[in-house]
Amino acid sequence: CIPIDDSKASPVEQVLAQTRGEGADRGCECVGYQCH
């Protein structure tokens, strides 16, 4: 997998950079209501 460290830069911008600006086809939320 491609690790994306959200403490280094915006995770959204990092994902867009990995997908030629389009965004991922799919996304998974595996954190829940206590996300920080």
PDB file of all heavy atoms in Angstrom:
ATOM      1  N   CYS A   1       0.833  -1.206   0.000  1.00  0.00           N
ATOM      2  CA  CYS A   1       0.000   0.000   0.000  1.00  0.00           C
ATOM      3  C   CYS A   1       0.866   1.253   0.000  1.00  0.00           C
ATOM      4  O   CYS A   1       2.049   1.224   0.356  1.00  0.00           O
ATOM      5  CB  CYS A   1      -0.911   0.018   1.224  1.00  0.00           C
ATOM      6  SG  CYS A   1      -1.998  -1.416   1.356  1.00  0.00           S
ATOM      7  N   ILE A   2       0.254   2.369  -0.367  1.00  0.00           N
ATOM      8  CA  ILE A   2       0.924   3.667  -0.349  1.00  0.00           C
ATOM      9  C   ILE A   2       0.580   4.356   0.968  1.00  0.00           C
ATOM     10  O   ILE A   2      -0.586   4.669   1.217  1.00  0.00           O
ATOM     11  CB  ILE A   2       0.476   4.529  -1.535  1.00  0.00           C
ATOM     12  CG1 ILE A   2       0.867   3.857  -2.849  1.00  0.00           C
ATOM     13  CG2 ILE A   2       1.061   5.941  -1.442  1.00  0.00           C
ATOM     14  CD1 ILE A   2       0.244   4.503  -4.077  1.00  0.00           C
ATOM     15  N   PRO A   3       1.577   4.576   1.843  1.00  0.00           N
ATOM     16  CA  PRO A   3       1.281   5.239   3.115  1.00  0.00           C
ATOM     17  C   PRO A   3       1.140   6.743   2.929  1.00  0.00           C
ATOM     18  O   PRO A   3       1.942   7.372   2.220  1.00  0.00           O
ATOM     19  CB  PRO A   3       2.507   4.900   3.966  1.00  0.00           C
ATOM     20  CG  PRO A   3       3.613   4.723   2.990  1.00  0.00           C
ATOM     21  CD  PRO A   3       2.990   4.186   1.727  1.00  0.00           C
ATOM     22  N   ILE A   4       0.126   7.316   3.557  1.00  0.00           N
ATOM     23  CA  ILE A   4      -0.098   8.759   3.505  1.00  0.00           C
ATOM     24  C   ILE A   4      -0.160   9.272   4.941  1.00  0.00           C
ATOM     25  O   ILE A   4      -1.059   8.913   5.698  1.00  0.00           O
ATOM     26  CB  ILE A   4      -1.389   9.092   2.742  1.00  0.00           C
ATOM     27  CG1 ILE A   4      -1.207   8.751   1.260  1.00  0.00           C
ATOM     28  CG2 ILE A   4      -1.779  10.557   2.929  1.00  0.00           C
ATOM     29  CD1 ILE A   4      -2.405   9.030   0.399  1.00  0.00           C
ATOM     30  N   ASP A   5       0.821  10.088   5.302  1.00  0.00           N
ATOM     31  CA  ASP A   5       0.943  10.626   6.654  1.00  0.00           C
ATOM     32  C   ASP A   5       0.211  11.964   6.719  1.00  0.00           C
ATOM     33  O   ASP A   5       0.673  12.953   6.145  1.00  0.00           O
ATOM     34  CB  ASP A   5       2.417  10.788   7.008  1.00  0.00           C
ATOM     35  CG  ASP A   5       2.639  11.180   8.466  1.00  0.00           C
ATOM     36  OD1 ASP A   5       1.707  11.708   9.093  1.00  0.00           O
ATOM     37  OD2 ASP A   5       3.763  10.967   8.965  1.00  0.00           O
ATOM     38  N   ASP A   6      -0.920  11.984   7.418  1.00  0.00           N
ATOM     39  CA  ASP A   6      -1.710  13.218   7.442  1.00  0.00           C
ATOM     40  C   ASP A   6      -1.138  14.263   8.388  1.00  0.00           C
ATOM     41  O   ASP A   6      -1.671  15.376   8.478  1.00  0.00           O
ATOM     42  CB  ASP A   6      -3.178  12.922   7.782  1.00  0.00           C
ATOM     43  CG  ASP A   6      -3.396  12.519   9.229  1.00  0.00           C
ATOM     44  OD1 ASP A   6      -2.419  12.168   9.917  1.00  0.00           O
ATOM     45  OD2 ASP A   6      -4.554  12.539   9.682  1.00  0.00           O
ATOM     46  N   SER A   7      -0.051  13.929   9.091  1.00  0.00           N
ATOM     47  CA  SER A   7       0.608  14.939   9.915  1.00  0.00           C
ATOM     48  C   SER A   7       1.610  15.759   9.114  1.00  0.00           C
ATOM     49  O   SER A   7       2.096  16.790   9.584  1.00  0.00           O
ATOM     50  CB  SER A   7       1.318  14.286  11.105  1.00  0.00           C
ATOM     51  OG  SER A   7       2.458  13.546  10.683  1.00  0.00           O
ATOM     52  N   LYS A   8       1.906  15.319   7.899  1.00  0.00           N
ATOM     53  CA  LYS A   8       2.899  16.010   7.066  1.00  0.00           C
ATOM     54  C   LYS A   8       2.255  17.021   6.124  1.00  0.00           C
ATOM     55  O   LYS A   8       2.838  18.059   5.808  1.00  0.00           O
ATOM     56  CB  LYS A   8       3.683  14.981   6.242  1.00  0.00           C
ATOM     57  CG  LYS A   8       4.420  13.941   7.085  1.00  0.00           C
ATOM     58  CD  LYS A   8       5.581  14.551   7.846  1.00  0.00           C
ATOM     59  CE  LYS A   8       6.316  13.516   8.686  1.00  0.00           C
ATOM     60  NZ  LYS A   8       6.901  12.418   7.895  1.00  0.00           N
ATOM     61  N   ALA A   9       1.060  16.712   5.639  1.00  0.00           N
ATOM     62  CA  ALA A   9       0.360  17.589   4.692  1.00  0.00           C
ATOM     63  C   ALA A   9      -1.082  17.126   4.612  1.00  0.00           C
ATOM     64  O   ALA A   9      -1.446  16.052   5.111  1.00  0.00           O
ATOM     65  CB  ALA A   9       1.024  17.543   3.315  1.00  0.00           C
ATOM     66  N   SER A  10      -1.932  17.924   3.970  1.00  0.00           N
ATOM     67  CA  SER A  10      -3.342  17.575   3.828  1.00  0.00           C
ATOM     68  C   SER A  10      -3.483  16.202   3.182  1.00  0.00           C
ATOM     69  O   SER A  10      -2.944  15.961   2.085  1.00  0.00           O
ATOM     70  CB  SER A  10      -4.046  18.614   2.946  1.00  0.00           C
ATOM     71  OG  SER A  10      -5.267  18.092   2.443  1.00  0.00           O
ATOM     72  N   PRO A  11      -4.201  15.279   3.830  1.00  0.00           N
ATOM     73  CA  PRO A  11      -4.374  13.965   3.207  1.00  0.00           C
ATOM     74  C   PRO A  11      -5.168  14.043   1.907  1.00  0.00           C
ATOM     75  O   PRO A  11      -4.920  13.263   0.982  1.00  0.00           O
ATOM     76  CB  PRO A  11      -5.115  13.160   4.275  1.00  0.00           C
ATOM     77  CG  PRO A  11      -5.792  14.179   5.132  1.00  0.00           C
ATOM     78  CD  PRO A  11      -4.881  15.356   5.135  1.00  0.00           C
ATOM     79  N   VAL A  12      -6.111  14.969   1.834  1.00  0.00           N
ATOM     80  CA  VAL A  12      -6.882  15.121   0.601  1.00  0.00           C
ATOM     81  C   VAL A  12      -5.957  15.505  -0.545  1.00  0.00           C
ATOM     82  O   VAL A  12      -6.015  14.926  -1.638  1.00  0.00           O
ATOM     83  CB  VAL A  12      -7.996  16.172   0.783  1.00  0.00           C
ATOM     84  CG1 VAL A  12      -8.709  16.422  -0.545  1.00  0.00           C
ATOM     85  CG2 VAL A  12      -8.993  15.716   1.847  1.00  0.00           C
ATOM     86  N   GLU A  13      -5.078  16.484  -0.309  1.00  0.00           N
ATOM     87  CA  GLU A  13      -4.156  16.907  -1.359  1.00  0.00           C
ATOM     88  C   GLU A  13      -3.203  15.778  -1.739  1.00  0.00           C
ATOM     89  O   GLU A  13      -2.854  15.625  -2.922  1.00  0.00           O
ATOM     90  CB  GLU A  13      -3.373  18.136  -0.896  1.00  0.00           C
ATOM     91  CG  GLU A  13      -4.229  19.381  -0.723  1.00  0.00           C
ATOM     92  CD  GLU A  13      -4.947  19.785  -2.002  1.00  0.00           C
ATOM     93  OE1 GLU A  13      -4.346  19.631  -3.094  1.00  0.00           O
ATOM     94  OE2 GLU A  13      -6.113  20.225  -1.919  1.00  0.00           O
ATOM     95  N   GLN A  14      -2.796  14.975  -0.756  1.00  0.00           N
ATOM     96  CA  GLN A  14      -1.895  13.860  -1.063  1.00  0.00           C
ATOM     97  C   GLN A  14      -2.599  12.800  -1.914  1.00  0.00           C
ATOM     98  O   GLN A  14      -2.001  12.233  -2.830  1.00  0.00           O
ATOM     99  CB  GLN A  14      -1.364  13.239   0.237  1.00  0.00           C
ATOM    100  CG  GLN A  14      -0.423  14.147   1.015  1.00  0.00           C
ATOM    101  CD  GLN A  14       0.147  13.436   2.230  1.00  0.00           C
ATOM    102  OE1 GLN A  14       0.992  12.541   2.100  1.00  0.00           O
ATOM    103  NE2 GLN A  14      -0.299  13.833   3.423  1.00  0.00           N
ATOM    104  N   VAL A  15      -3.863  12.535  -1.612  1.00  0.00           N
ATOM    105  CA  VAL A  15      -4.616  11.566  -2.414  1.00  0.00           C
ATOM    106  C   VAL A  15      -4.824  12.095  -3.826  1.00  0.00           C
ATOM    107  O   VAL A  15      -4.659  11.358  -4.816  1.00  0.00           O
ATOM    108  CB  VAL A  15      -5.967  11.241  -1.750  1.00  0.00           C
ATOM    109  CG1 VAL A  15      -6.845  10.400  -2.677  1.00  0.00           C
ATOM    110  CG2 VAL A  15      -5.755  10.519  -0.429  1.00  0.00           C
ATOM    111  N   LEU A  16      -5.162  13.368  -3.943  1.00  0.00           N
ATOM    112  CA  LEU A  16      -5.339  13.952  -5.278  1.00  0.00           C
ATOM    113  C   LEU A  16      -4.049  13.890  -6.078  1.00  0.00           C
ATOM    114  O   LEU A  16      -4.054  13.617  -7.294  1.00  0.00           O
ATOM    115  CB  LEU A  16      -5.837  15.392  -5.157  1.00  0.00           C
ATOM    116  CG  LEU A  16      -7.248  15.569  -4.571  1.00  0.00           C
ATOM    117  CD1 LEU A  16      -7.580  17.045  -4.415  1.00  0.00           C
ATOM    118  CD2 LEU A  16      -8.297  14.885  -5.452  1.00  0.00           C
ATOM    119  N   ALA A  17      -2.924  14.103  -5.419  1.00  0.00           N
ATOM    120  CA  ALA A  17      -1.638  14.031  -6.112  1.00  0.00           C
ATOM    121  C   ALA A  17      -1.349  12.612  -6.591  1.00  0.00           C
ATOM    122  O   ALA A  17      -0.713  12.417  -7.640  1.00  0.00           O
ATOM    123  CB  ALA A  17      -0.524  14.512  -5.187  1.00  0.00           C
ATOM    124  N   GLN A  18      -1.815  11.627  -5.852  1.00  0.00           N
ATOM    125  CA  GLN A  18      -1.606  10.232  -6.231  1.00  0.00           C
ATOM    126  C   GLN A  18      -2.541   9.779  -7.349  1.00  0.00           C
ATOM    127  O   GLN A  18      -2.328   8.724  -7.952  1.00  0.00           O
ATOM    128  CB  GLN A  18      -1.810   9.324  -5.011  1.00  0.00           C
ATOM    129  CG  GLN A  18      -0.715   9.389  -3.965  1.00  0.00           C
ATOM    130  CD  GLN A  18       0.524   8.631  -4.374  1.00  0.00           C
ATOM    131  OE1 GLN A  18       0.512   7.824  -5.294  1.00  0.00           O
ATOM    132  NE2 GLN A  18       1.633   8.901  -3.691  1.00  0.00           N
ATOM    133  N   THR A  19      -3.592  10.572  -7.617  1.00  0.00           N
ATOM    134  CA  THR A  19      -4.621  10.151  -8.581  1.00  0.00           C
ATOM    135  C   THR A  19      -4.809  11.181  -9.695  1.00  0.00           C
ATOM    136  O   THR A  19      -5.910  11.307 -10.234  1.00  0.00           O
ATOM    137  CB  THR A  19      -5.961   9.902  -7.855  1.00  0.00           C
ATOM    138  OG1 THR A  19      -6.331  11.090  -7.137  1.00  0.00           O
ATOM    139  CG2 THR A  19      -5.846   8.736  -6.874  1.00  0.00           C
ATOM    140  N   ARG A  20      -3.753  11.902 -10.002  1.00  0.00           N
ATOM    141  CA  ARG A  20      -3.767  12.895 -11.097  1.00  0.00           C
ATOM    142  C   ARG A  20      -4.878  13.932 -10.916  1.00  0.00           C
ATOM    143  O   ARG A  20      -5.505  14.377 -11.873  1.00  0.00           O
ATOM    144  CB  ARG A  20      -3.915  12.191 -12.454  1.00  0.00           C
ATOM    145  CG  ARG A  20      -2.823  11.181 -12.747  1.00  0.00           C
ATOM    146  CD  ARG A  20      -3.048  10.471 -14.076  1.00  0.00           C
ATOM    147  NE  ARG A  20      -4.358   9.822 -14.135  1.00  0.00           N
ATOM    148  CZ  ARG A  20      -4.638   8.666 -13.578  1.00  0.00           C
ATOM    149  NH1 ARG A  20      -3.713   8.011 -12.909  1.00  0.00           N
ATOM    150  NH2 ARG A  20      -5.846   8.145 -13.681  1.00  0.00           N
ATOM    151  N   GLY A  21      -5.169  14.251  -9.671  1.00  0.00           N
ATOM    152  CA  GLY A  21      -6.161  15.273  -9.377  1.00  0.00           C
ATOM    153  C   GLY A  21      -7.595  14.806  -9.402  1.00  0.00           C
ATOM    154  O   GLY A  21      -8.509  15.582  -9.081  1.00  0.00           O
ATOM    155  N   GLU A  22      -7.825  13.549  -9.731  1.00  0.00           N
ATOM    156  CA  GLU A  22      -9.191  13.048  -9.894  1.00  0.00           C
ATOM    157  C   GLU A  22      -9.807  12.607  -8.567  1.00  0.00           C
ATOM    158  O   GLU A  22     -11.006  12.769  -8.337  1.00  0.00           O
ATOM    159  CB  GLU A  22      -9.181  11.866 -10.867  1.00  0.00           C
ATOM    160  CG  GLU A  22     -10.558  11.273 -11.142  1.00  0.00           C
ATOM    161  CD  GLU A  22     -10.494  10.127 -12.147  1.00  0.00           C
ATOM    162  OE1 GLU A  22      -9.495  10.015 -12.880  1.00  0.00           O
ATOM    163  OE2 GLU A  22     -11.459   9.336 -12.175  1.00  0.00           O
ATOM    164  N   GLY A  23      -9.006  12.035  -7.704  1.00  0.00           N
ATOM    165  CA  GLY A  23      -9.512  11.424  -6.481  1.00  0.00           C
ATOM    166  C   GLY A  23      -9.596   9.915  -6.620  1.00  0.00           C
ATOM    167  O   GLY A  23      -9.624   9.373  -7.729  1.00  0.00           O
ATOM    168  N   ALA A  24      -9.615   9.237  -5.504  1.00  0.00           N
ATOM    169  CA  ALA A  24      -9.709   7.772  -5.518  1.00  0.00           C
ATOM    170  C   ALA A  24     -11.086   7.326  -5.984  1.00  0.00           C
ATOM    171  O   ALA A  24     -12.090   8.023  -5.787  1.00  0.00           O
ATOM    172  CB  ALA A  24      -9.431   7.221  -4.121  1.00  0.00           C
ATOM    173  N   ASP A  25     -11.132   6.159  -6.614  1.00  0.00           N
ATOM    174  CA  ASP A  25     -12.433   5.613  -7.027  1.00  0.00           C
ATOM    175  C   ASP A  25     -13.306   5.268  -5.822  1.00  0.00           C
ATOM    176  O   ASP A  25     -14.529   5.440  -5.875  1.00  0.00           O
ATOM    177  CB  ASP A  25     -12.228   4.339  -7.858  1.00  0.00           C
ATOM    178  CG  ASP A  25     -11.488   4.598  -9.152  1.00  0.00           C
ATOM    179  OD1 ASP A  25     -11.939   5.472  -9.923  1.00  0.00           O
ATOM    180  OD2 ASP A  25     -10.453   3.938  -9.385  1.00  0.00           O
ATOM    181  N   ARG A  26     -12.674   4.805  -4.754  1.00  0.00           N
ATOM    182  CA  ARG A  26     -13.404   4.350  -3.573  1.00  0.00           C
ATOM    183  C   ARG A  26     -12.699   4.845  -2.309  1.00  0.00           C
ATOM    184  O   ARG A  26     -11.504   5.136  -2.324  1.00  0.00           O
ATOM    185  CB  ARG A  26     -13.478   2.813  -3.526  1.00  0.00           C
ATOM    186  CG  ARG A  26     -13.940   2.177  -4.828  1.00  0.00           C
ATOM    187  CD  ARG A  26     -15.383   2.460  -5.137  1.00  0.00           C
ATOM    188  NE  ARG A  26     -15.702   2.118  -6.526  1.00  0.00           N
ATOM    189  CZ  ARG A  26     -16.855   2.381  -7.112  1.00  0.00           C
ATOM    190  NH1 ARG A  26     -17.828   2.978  -6.430  1.00  0.00           N
ATOM    191  NH2 ARG A  26     -17.058   2.058  -8.367  1.00  0.00           N
ATOM    192  N   GLY A  27     -13.464   4.910  -1.228  1.00  0.00           N
ATOM    193  CA  GLY A  27     -12.884   5.338   0.040  1.00  0.00           C
ATOM    194  C   GLY A  27     -13.475   4.558   1.196  1.00  0.00           C
ATOM    195  O   GLY A  27     -14.641   4.154   1.162  1.00  0.00           O
ATOM    196  N   CYS A  28     -12.682   4.345   2.237  1.00  0.00           N
ATOM    197  CA  CYS A  28     -13.116   3.615   3.421  1.00  0.00           C
ATOM    198  C   CYS A  28     -12.881   4.444   4.678  1.00  0.00           C
ATOM    199  O   CYS A  28     -11.781   4.974   4.876  1.00  0.00           O
ATOM    200  CB  CYS A  28     -12.355   2.290   3.556  1.00  0.00           C
ATOM    201  SG  CYS A  28     -12.817   1.039   2.344  1.00  0.00           S
ATOM    202  N   GLU A  29     -13.892   4.516   5.528  1.00  0.00           N
ATOM    203  CA  GLU A  29     -13.774   5.159   6.831  1.00  0.00           C
ATOM    204  C   GLU A  29     -13.622   4.063   7.880  1.00  0.00           C
ATOM    205  O   GLU A  29     -14.554   3.309   8.144  1.00  0.00           O
ATOM    206  CB  GLU A  29     -15.017   6.006   7.130  1.00  0.00           C
ATOM    207  CG  GLU A  29     -14.777   7.170   8.088  1.00  0.00           C
ATOM    208  CD  GLU A  29     -14.528   6.772   9.536  1.00  0.00           C
ATOM    209  OE1 GLU A  29     -14.812   5.613   9.909  1.00  0.00           O
ATOM    210  OE2 GLU A  29     -14.077   7.624  10.310  1.00  0.00           O
ATOM    211  N   CYS A  30     -12.427   3.976   8.465  1.00  0.00           N
ATOM    212  CA  CYS A  30     -12.118   2.936   9.443  1.00  0.00           C
ATOM    213  C   CYS A  30     -11.610   3.556  10.744  1.00  0.00           C
ATOM    214  O   CYS A  30     -10.742   2.989  11.412  1.00  0.00           O
ATOM    215  CB  CYS A  30     -11.080   1.975   8.870  1.00  0.00           C
ATOM    216  SG  CYS A  30     -11.622   1.101   7.376  1.00  0.00           S
ATOM    217  N   VAL A  31     -12.140   4.717  11.102  1.00  0.00           N
ATOM    218  CA  VAL A  31     -11.718   5.421  12.316  1.00  0.00           C
ATOM    219  C   VAL A  31     -12.895   5.578  13.269  1.00  0.00           C
ATOM    220  O   VAL A  31     -12.870   5.112  14.399  1.00  0.00           O
ATOM    221  CB  VAL A  31     -11.108   6.801  11.988  1.00  0.00           C
ATOM    222  CG1 VAL A  31     -10.637   7.494  13.263  1.00  0.00           C
ATOM    223  CG2 VAL A  31      -9.964   6.665  10.992  1.00  0.00           C
ATOM    224  N   GLY A  32     -13.952   6.270  12.822  1.00  0.00           N
ATOM    225  CA  GLY A  32     -15.130   6.441  13.646  1.00  0.00           C
ATOM    226  C   GLY A  32     -15.204   7.783  14.336  1.00  0.00           C
ATOM    227  O   GLY A  32     -14.449   8.716  14.035  1.00  0.00           O
ATOM    228  N   TYR A  33     -16.110   7.876  15.299  1.00  0.00           N
ATOM    229  CA  TYR A  33     -16.493   9.163  15.863  1.00  0.00           C
ATOM    230  C   TYR A  33     -15.442   9.798  16.748  1.00  0.00           C
ATOM    231  O   TYR A  33     -15.559  10.972  17.098  1.00  0.00           O
ATOM    232  CB  TYR A  33     -17.808   9.029  16.626  1.00  0.00           C
ATOM    233  CG  TYR A  33     -17.748   8.238  17.922  1.00  0.00           C
ATOM    234  CD1 TYR A  33     -17.825   8.879  19.153  1.00  0.00           C
ATOM    235  CD2 TYR A  33     -17.655   6.848  17.915  1.00  0.00           C
ATOM    236  CE1 TYR A  33     -17.807   8.167  20.345  1.00  0.00           C
ATOM    237  CE2 TYR A  33     -17.647   6.131  19.098  1.00  0.00           C
ATOM    238  CZ  TYR A  33     -17.711   6.787  20.308  1.00  0.00           C
ATOM    239  OH  TYR A  33     -17.693   6.073  21.474  1.00  0.00           O
ATOM    240  N   GLN A  34     -14.400   9.064  17.117  1.00  0.00           N
ATOM    241  CA  GLN A  34     -13.351   9.645  17.945  1.00  0.00           C
ATOM    242  C   GLN A  34     -12.125  10.050  17.127  1.00  0.00           C
ATOM    243  O   GLN A  34     -11.017  10.102  17.660  1.00  0.00           O
ATOM    244  CB  GLN A  34     -12.962   8.684  19.069  1.00  0.00           C
ATOM    245  CG  GLN A  34     -14.005   8.576  20.178  1.00  0.00           C
ATOM    246  CD  GLN A  34     -13.531   7.737  21.346  1.00  0.00           C
ATOM    247  OE1 GLN A  34     -13.922   6.591  21.499  1.00  0.00           O
ATOM    248  NE2 GLN A  34     -12.691   8.321  22.182  1.00  0.00           N
ATOM    249  N   CYS A  35     -12.313  10.366  15.849  1.00  0.00           N
ATOM    250  CA  CYS A  35     -11.163  10.736  15.024  1.00  0.00           C
ATOM    251  C   CYS A  35     -10.561  12.062  15.495  1.00  0.00           C
ATOM    252  O   CYS A  35     -11.256  12.950  15.989  1.00  0.00           O
ATOM    253  CB  CYS A  35     -11.551  10.800  13.553  1.00  0.00           C
ATOM    254  SG  CYS A  35     -12.983  11.805  13.177  1.00  0.00           S
ATOM    255  N   HIS A  36      -9.252  12.168  15.343  1.00  0.00           N
ATOM    256  CA  HIS A  36      -8.493  13.328  15.801  1.00  0.00           C
ATOM    257  C   HIS A  36      -7.694  13.919  14.645  1.00  0.00           C
ATOM    258  O   HIS A  36      -7.295  13.217  13.720  1.00  0.00           O
ATOM    259  CB  HIS A  36      -7.492  12.935  16.894  1.00  0.00           C
ATOM    260  CG  HIS A  36      -8.108  12.507  18.185  1.00  0.00           C
ATOM    261  ND1 HIS A  36      -8.794  11.327  18.331  1.00  0.00           N
ATOM    262  CD2 HIS A  36      -8.127  13.116  19.395  1.00  0.00           C
ATOM    263  CE1 HIS A  36      -9.203  11.216  19.585  1.00  0.00           C
ATOM    264  NE2 HIS A  36      -8.817  12.288  20.253  1.00  0.00           N
TER     265      HIS A  36
END
